[in-house]
Amino acid sequence: MTFTQERQVTLFKPEGRMDLQGGNALSEKIASAVAKSEQFWVIDLAKVDFMDSSGLVSLVKGLKVARQSNCRLVLCNVTAPVRLVLELTHLDSVFEIFNTYDDILRSVWL
């Protein structure tokens, strides 16, 4: 998993499976992120090819932490299998989802 923190954007890039192990790894990275008010958290799911309930739990926990820290959490590059899980659980209406990272940057800084 790649994790970068620059200016007001924190980028999380999980890879592979978002199951118990992958979900826990993401939760740990989110917990270790230094939350600053008004910060923007991006979870880039381009390299995630599978997600189960454990992965969903990590995303929801991340959203909760972001909101408590007055940060904005969004998803981008959601692969078809992951999008299906989000749609089936109706979480696609809870998360802000962008097609690409560039789309996020354009919407935030324009």
Protein backbone atom coordinates (compact mmCIF):
# COMPACT_ATOMS: atom_id res chain seq x y z
CA MET A 1 0.00 0.00 0.00
CA THR A 2 1.27 3.43 -0.89
CA PHE A 3 0.67 6.36 1.44
CA THR A 4 1.65 9.98 0.76
CA GLN A 5 0.86 13.16 2.59
CA GLU A 6 1.42 16.50 0.91
CA ARG A 7 -0.01 19.90 1.69
CA GLN A 8 -3.70 19.41 2.32
CA VAL A 9 -4.05 16.07 0.48
CA THR A 10 -3.42 12.65 2.00
CA LEU A 11 -3.43 9.87 -0.58
CA PHE A 12 -4.00 6.21 0.32
CA LYS A 13 -3.40 3.62 -2.42
CA PRO A 14 -4.30 0.12 -1.24
CA GLU A 15 -3.44 -2.77 -3.55
CA GLY A 16 -4.80 -6.26 -4.15
CA ARG A 17 -7.52 -7.58 -1.91
CA MET A 18 -9.46 -5.45 0.55
CA ASP A 19 -10.29 -8.37 2.82
CA LEU A 20 -9.48 -8.69 6.52
CA GLN A 21 -5.75 -8.25 5.99
CA GLY A 22 -6.00 -5.48 3.38
CA GLY A 23 -8.75 -3.71 5.31
CA ASN A 24 -6.70 -3.76 8.51
CA ALA A 25 -3.68 -2.37 6.64
CA LEU A 26 -5.79 0.52 5.33
CA SER A 27 -7.28 1.16 8.78
CA GLU A 28 -3.78 1.30 10.29
CA LYS A 29 -2.60 3.78 7.66
CA ILE A 30 -5.65 5.96 8.22
CA ALA A 31 -5.13 5.85 11.99
CA SER A 32 -1.48 6.86 11.58
CA ALA A 33 -2.29 9.78 9.27
CA VAL A 34 -1.87 13.15 10.87
CA ALA A 35 -5.31 14.68 10.56
CA LYS A 36 -5.42 18.42 10.11
CA SER A 37 -8.67 20.28 9.93
CA GLU A 38 -9.88 20.92 6.39
CA GLN A 39 -7.54 18.24 5.01
CA PHE A 40 -8.52 16.16 2.01
CA TRP A 41 -8.17 12.35 2.19
CA VAL A 42 -8.21 10.38 -1.05
CA ILE A 43 -8.43 6.59 -1.25
CA ASP A 44 -7.34 5.52 -4.74
CA LEU A 45 -8.78 2.06 -5.40
CA ALA A 46 -7.27 1.55 -8.87
CA LYS A 47 -5.22 -1.46 -7.74
CA VAL A 48 -7.90 -3.11 -5.61
CA ASP A 49 -9.38 -6.10 -7.40
CA PHE A 50 -11.52 -7.54 -4.59
CA MET A 51 -13.41 -6.18 -1.58
CA ASP A 52 -15.41 -7.99 1.08
CA SER A 53 -17.17 -6.82 4.23
CA SER A 54 -13.86 -6.31 6.05
CA GLY A 55 -12.75 -3.92 3.33
CA LEU A 56 -16.06 -2.08 3.55
CA VAL A 57 -15.65 -1.76 7.31
CA SER A 58 -12.23 -0.14 6.85
CA LEU A 59 -13.68 2.39 4.38
CA VAL A 60 -16.56 3.26 6.71
CA LYS A 61 -14.20 3.58 9.70
CA GLY A 62 -11.98 5.83 7.61
CA LEU A 63 -14.94 8.01 6.70
CA LYS A 64 -15.90 8.26 10.36
CA VAL A 65 -12.36 9.25 11.39
CA ALA A 66 -12.19 11.81 8.59
CA ARG A 67 -15.49 13.40 9.60
CA GLN A 68 -14.47 13.50 13.27
CA SER A 69 -11.25 15.25 12.22
CA ASN A 70 -13.12 17.71 10.01
CA CYS A 71 -11.51 16.19 6.93
CA ARG A 72 -13.09 15.21 3.63
CA LEU A 73 -12.63 11.60 2.47
CA VAL A 74 -13.29 10.63 -1.16
CA LEU A 75 -12.73 7.56 -3.33
CA CYS A 76 -11.36 7.45 -6.86
CA ASN A 77 -10.47 4.95 -9.57
CA VAL A 78 -13.01 2.47 -8.22
CA THR A 79 -12.68 -0.81 -10.11
CA ALA A 80 -15.77 -2.64 -11.39
CA PRO A 81 -15.77 -5.40 -8.69
CA VAL A 82 -15.39 -2.83 -5.91
CA ARG A 83 -18.03 -0.53 -7.41
CA LEU A 84 -20.45 -3.47 -7.49
CA VAL A 85 -19.92 -4.12 -3.76
CA LEU A 86 -20.41 -0.41 -3.00
CA GLU A 87 -23.60 -0.35 -5.07
CA LEU A 88 -25.03 -3.54 -3.53
CA THR A 89 -24.51 -2.13 -0.04
CA HIS A 90 -25.72 1.34 -1.10
CA LEU A 91 -22.46 2.82 0.14
CA ASP A 92 -21.97 4.40 -3.27
CA SER A 93 -24.42 7.04 -2.06
CA VAL A 94 -22.49 7.58 1.19
CA PHE A 95 -19.02 8.10 -0.30
CA GLU A 96 -17.99 10.78 -2.74
CA ILE A 97 -16.67 8.85 -5.72
CA PHE A 98 -14.58 10.37 -8.52
CA ASN A 99 -13.46 8.67 -11.72
CA THR A 100 -9.80 9.76 -11.42
CA TYR A 101 -7.44 11.53 -9.05
CA ASP A 102 -7.19 14.39 -11.56
CA ASP A 103 -10.97 14.82 -11.40
CA ILE A 104 -10.65 15.31 -7.65
CA LEU A 105 -7.93 17.91 -8.02
CA ARG A 106 -9.95 19.81 -10.63
CA SER A 107 -13.06 19.85 -8.45
CA VAL A 108 -11.21 20.94 -5.32
CA TRP A 109 -8.90 23.62 -6.69
CA LEU A 110 -11.08 25.19 -9.37
